[in-house]
């Protein structure tokens, strides 16, 4: 049986951040980029992010919508900041939305900044 499923690109790499093994997987679909970041071998929190097209047309200033789909909304504020920074980078060259699944052992700002740097350094968009 032949299927007409669209191809998608996937990239996986492992790195150590503050001596913690970190897996990062990117999957690029037709309309979305999925990024999975884990130091715990779990999905952790899942955050959806997208650029608001109508607001930008009316205000001429880019705005973004972020929604925590799974996880503790109060604890995940730092993850939402990361998702916002990632979607800002994605929207410079693409109109794809972002789905970020992230689970880190360390929630300190400096550690999360290093995680974000690795995500942006190895981007697929």
Protein backbone atom coordinates (compact mmCIF):
# COMPACT_ATOMS: atom_id res chain seq x y z
CA UNK A 1 0.00 0.00 0.00
CA UNK A 2 1.44 3.33 -1.04
CA UNK A 3 0.94 6.35 1.20
CA UNK A 4 1.15 9.99 0.27
CA UNK A 5 2.40 11.20 3.60
CA UNK A 6 4.51 14.33 3.34
CA UNK A 7 8.16 13.87 4.24
CA UNK A 8 9.48 15.63 7.27
CA UNK A 9 12.95 16.40 8.48
CA UNK A 10 14.20 15.17 11.85
CA UNK A 11 17.46 16.01 13.58
CA UNK A 12 18.69 14.60 16.89
CA UNK A 13 21.73 15.41 18.95
CA UNK A 14 23.00 14.95 22.48
CA UNK A 15 25.02 17.45 24.44
CA UNK A 16 26.12 18.08 28.02
CA UNK A 17 24.86 21.27 29.62
CA UNK A 18 26.23 21.93 33.10
CA UNK A 19 27.22 18.25 33.22
CA UNK A 20 23.65 17.10 32.46
CA UNK A 21 23.05 14.91 29.40
CA UNK A 22 20.58 16.77 27.21
CA UNK A 23 18.73 15.29 24.23
CA UNK A 24 17.39 17.70 21.62
CA UNK A 25 15.23 16.50 18.74
CA UNK A 26 13.83 18.71 15.99
CA UNK A 27 11.07 17.58 13.64
CA UNK A 28 10.05 19.95 10.88
CA UNK A 29 6.59 19.42 9.44
CA UNK A 30 4.75 21.34 6.74
CA UNK A 31 3.17 23.81 9.18
CA UNK A 32 4.96 23.25 12.49
CA UNK A 33 8.35 22.75 14.09
CA UNK A 34 8.43 20.33 17.01
CA UNK A 35 11.36 20.61 19.40
CA UNK A 36 11.84 18.07 22.19
CA UNK A 37 14.40 18.92 24.86
CA UNK A 38 14.92 16.53 27.74
CA UNK A 39 17.34 15.92 30.56
CA UNK A 40 14.89 13.47 32.16
CA UNK A 41 13.91 11.19 29.23
CA UNK A 42 10.35 12.55 29.45
CA UNK A 43 8.23 15.07 27.55
CA UNK A 44 7.86 17.40 30.52
CA UNK A 45 5.93 20.54 29.66
CA UNK A 46 4.44 21.10 26.23
CA UNK A 47 4.09 24.66 24.94
CA UNK A 48 2.56 25.87 21.70
CA UNK A 49 3.78 29.18 20.24
CA UNK A 50 2.85 31.12 17.15
CA UNK A 51 3.22 34.55 15.64
CA UNK A 52 -0.02 36.56 15.62
CA UNK A 53 -0.57 37.60 12.02
CA UNK A 54 -3.55 39.91 12.54
CA UNK A 55 -1.96 41.86 15.39
CA UNK A 56 1.18 42.45 13.33
CA UNK A 57 -0.88 43.69 10.37
CA UNK A 58 -2.81 46.15 12.56
CA UNK A 59 0.00 47.28 14.86
CA UNK A 60 3.02 46.74 12.61
CA UNK A 61 4.68 45.14 15.64
CA UNK A 62 5.10 41.38 15.94
CA UNK A 63 3.19 39.72 18.77
CA UNK A 64 3.12 36.08 19.76
CA UNK A 65 0.67 33.69 21.42
CA UNK A 66 1.95 31.05 23.81
CA UNK A 67 -0.11 28.33 25.43
CA UNK A 68 1.02 25.74 27.96
CA UNK A 69 -0.74 22.59 26.78
CA UNK A 70 0.72 20.31 29.44
CA UNK A 71 2.55 21.21 32.61
CA UNK A 72 2.43 23.58 35.55
CA UNK A 73 1.67 27.04 34.16
CA UNK A 74 3.33 28.84 37.08
CA UNK A 75 6.48 26.72 37.01
CA UNK A 76 6.65 26.87 33.24
CA UNK A 77 6.99 30.63 32.92
CA UNK A 78 10.69 30.20 32.16
CA UNK A 79 9.85 27.62 29.50
CA UNK A 80 7.38 30.07 27.96
CA UNK A 81 10.12 32.70 27.79
CA UNK A 82 12.29 30.18 25.96
CA UNK A 83 9.45 29.29 23.58
CA UNK A 84 8.91 32.98 22.87
CA UNK A 85 12.56 33.46 21.97
CA UNK A 86 12.52 30.38 19.73
CA UNK A 87 9.33 31.40 17.87
CA UNK A 88 10.81 34.88 17.33
CA UNK A 89 13.76 33.25 15.57
CA UNK A 90 11.57 30.87 13.58
CA UNK A 91 9.24 33.65 12.40
CA UNK A 92 12.14 35.59 10.87
CA UNK A 93 12.34 33.04 8.05
CA UNK A 94 9.18 30.94 8.29
CA UNK A 95 5.48 31.09 9.14
CA UNK A 96 5.55 27.73 10.95
CA UNK A 97 4.27 27.41 14.50
CA UNK A 98 6.27 25.89 17.35
CA UNK A 99 5.49 22.97 19.60
CA UNK A 100 8.08 22.76 22.38
CA UNK A 101 8.28 19.77 24.73
CA UNK A 102 10.83 20.45 27.45
CA UNK A 103 11.98 18.79 30.67
CA UNK A 104 15.08 20.08 32.43
CA UNK A 105 16.50 19.08 35.80
CA UNK A 106 17.81 22.57 36.49
CA UNK A 107 15.43 25.57 36.35
CA UNK A 108 18.05 28.24 37.06
CA UNK A 109 18.15 31.12 34.58
CA UNK A 110 21.78 30.57 33.60
CA UNK A 111 21.18 26.89 32.89
CA UNK A 112 18.07 27.57 30.80
CA UNK A 113 19.99 30.22 28.85
CA UNK A 114 22.57 27.57 27.94
CA UNK A 115 19.82 25.18 26.85
CA UNK A 116 18.31 27.92 24.67
CA UNK A 117 21.71 28.64 23.12
CA UNK A 118 22.04 24.97 22.13
CA UNK A 119 18.56 24.94 20.60
CA UNK A 120 19.28 28.05 18.52
CA UNK A 121 22.80 26.94 17.61
CA UNK A 122 21.58 23.72 15.99
CA UNK A 123 18.34 25.02 14.48
CA UNK A 124 16.67 23.41 11.47
CA UNK A 125 14.50 26.27 10.21
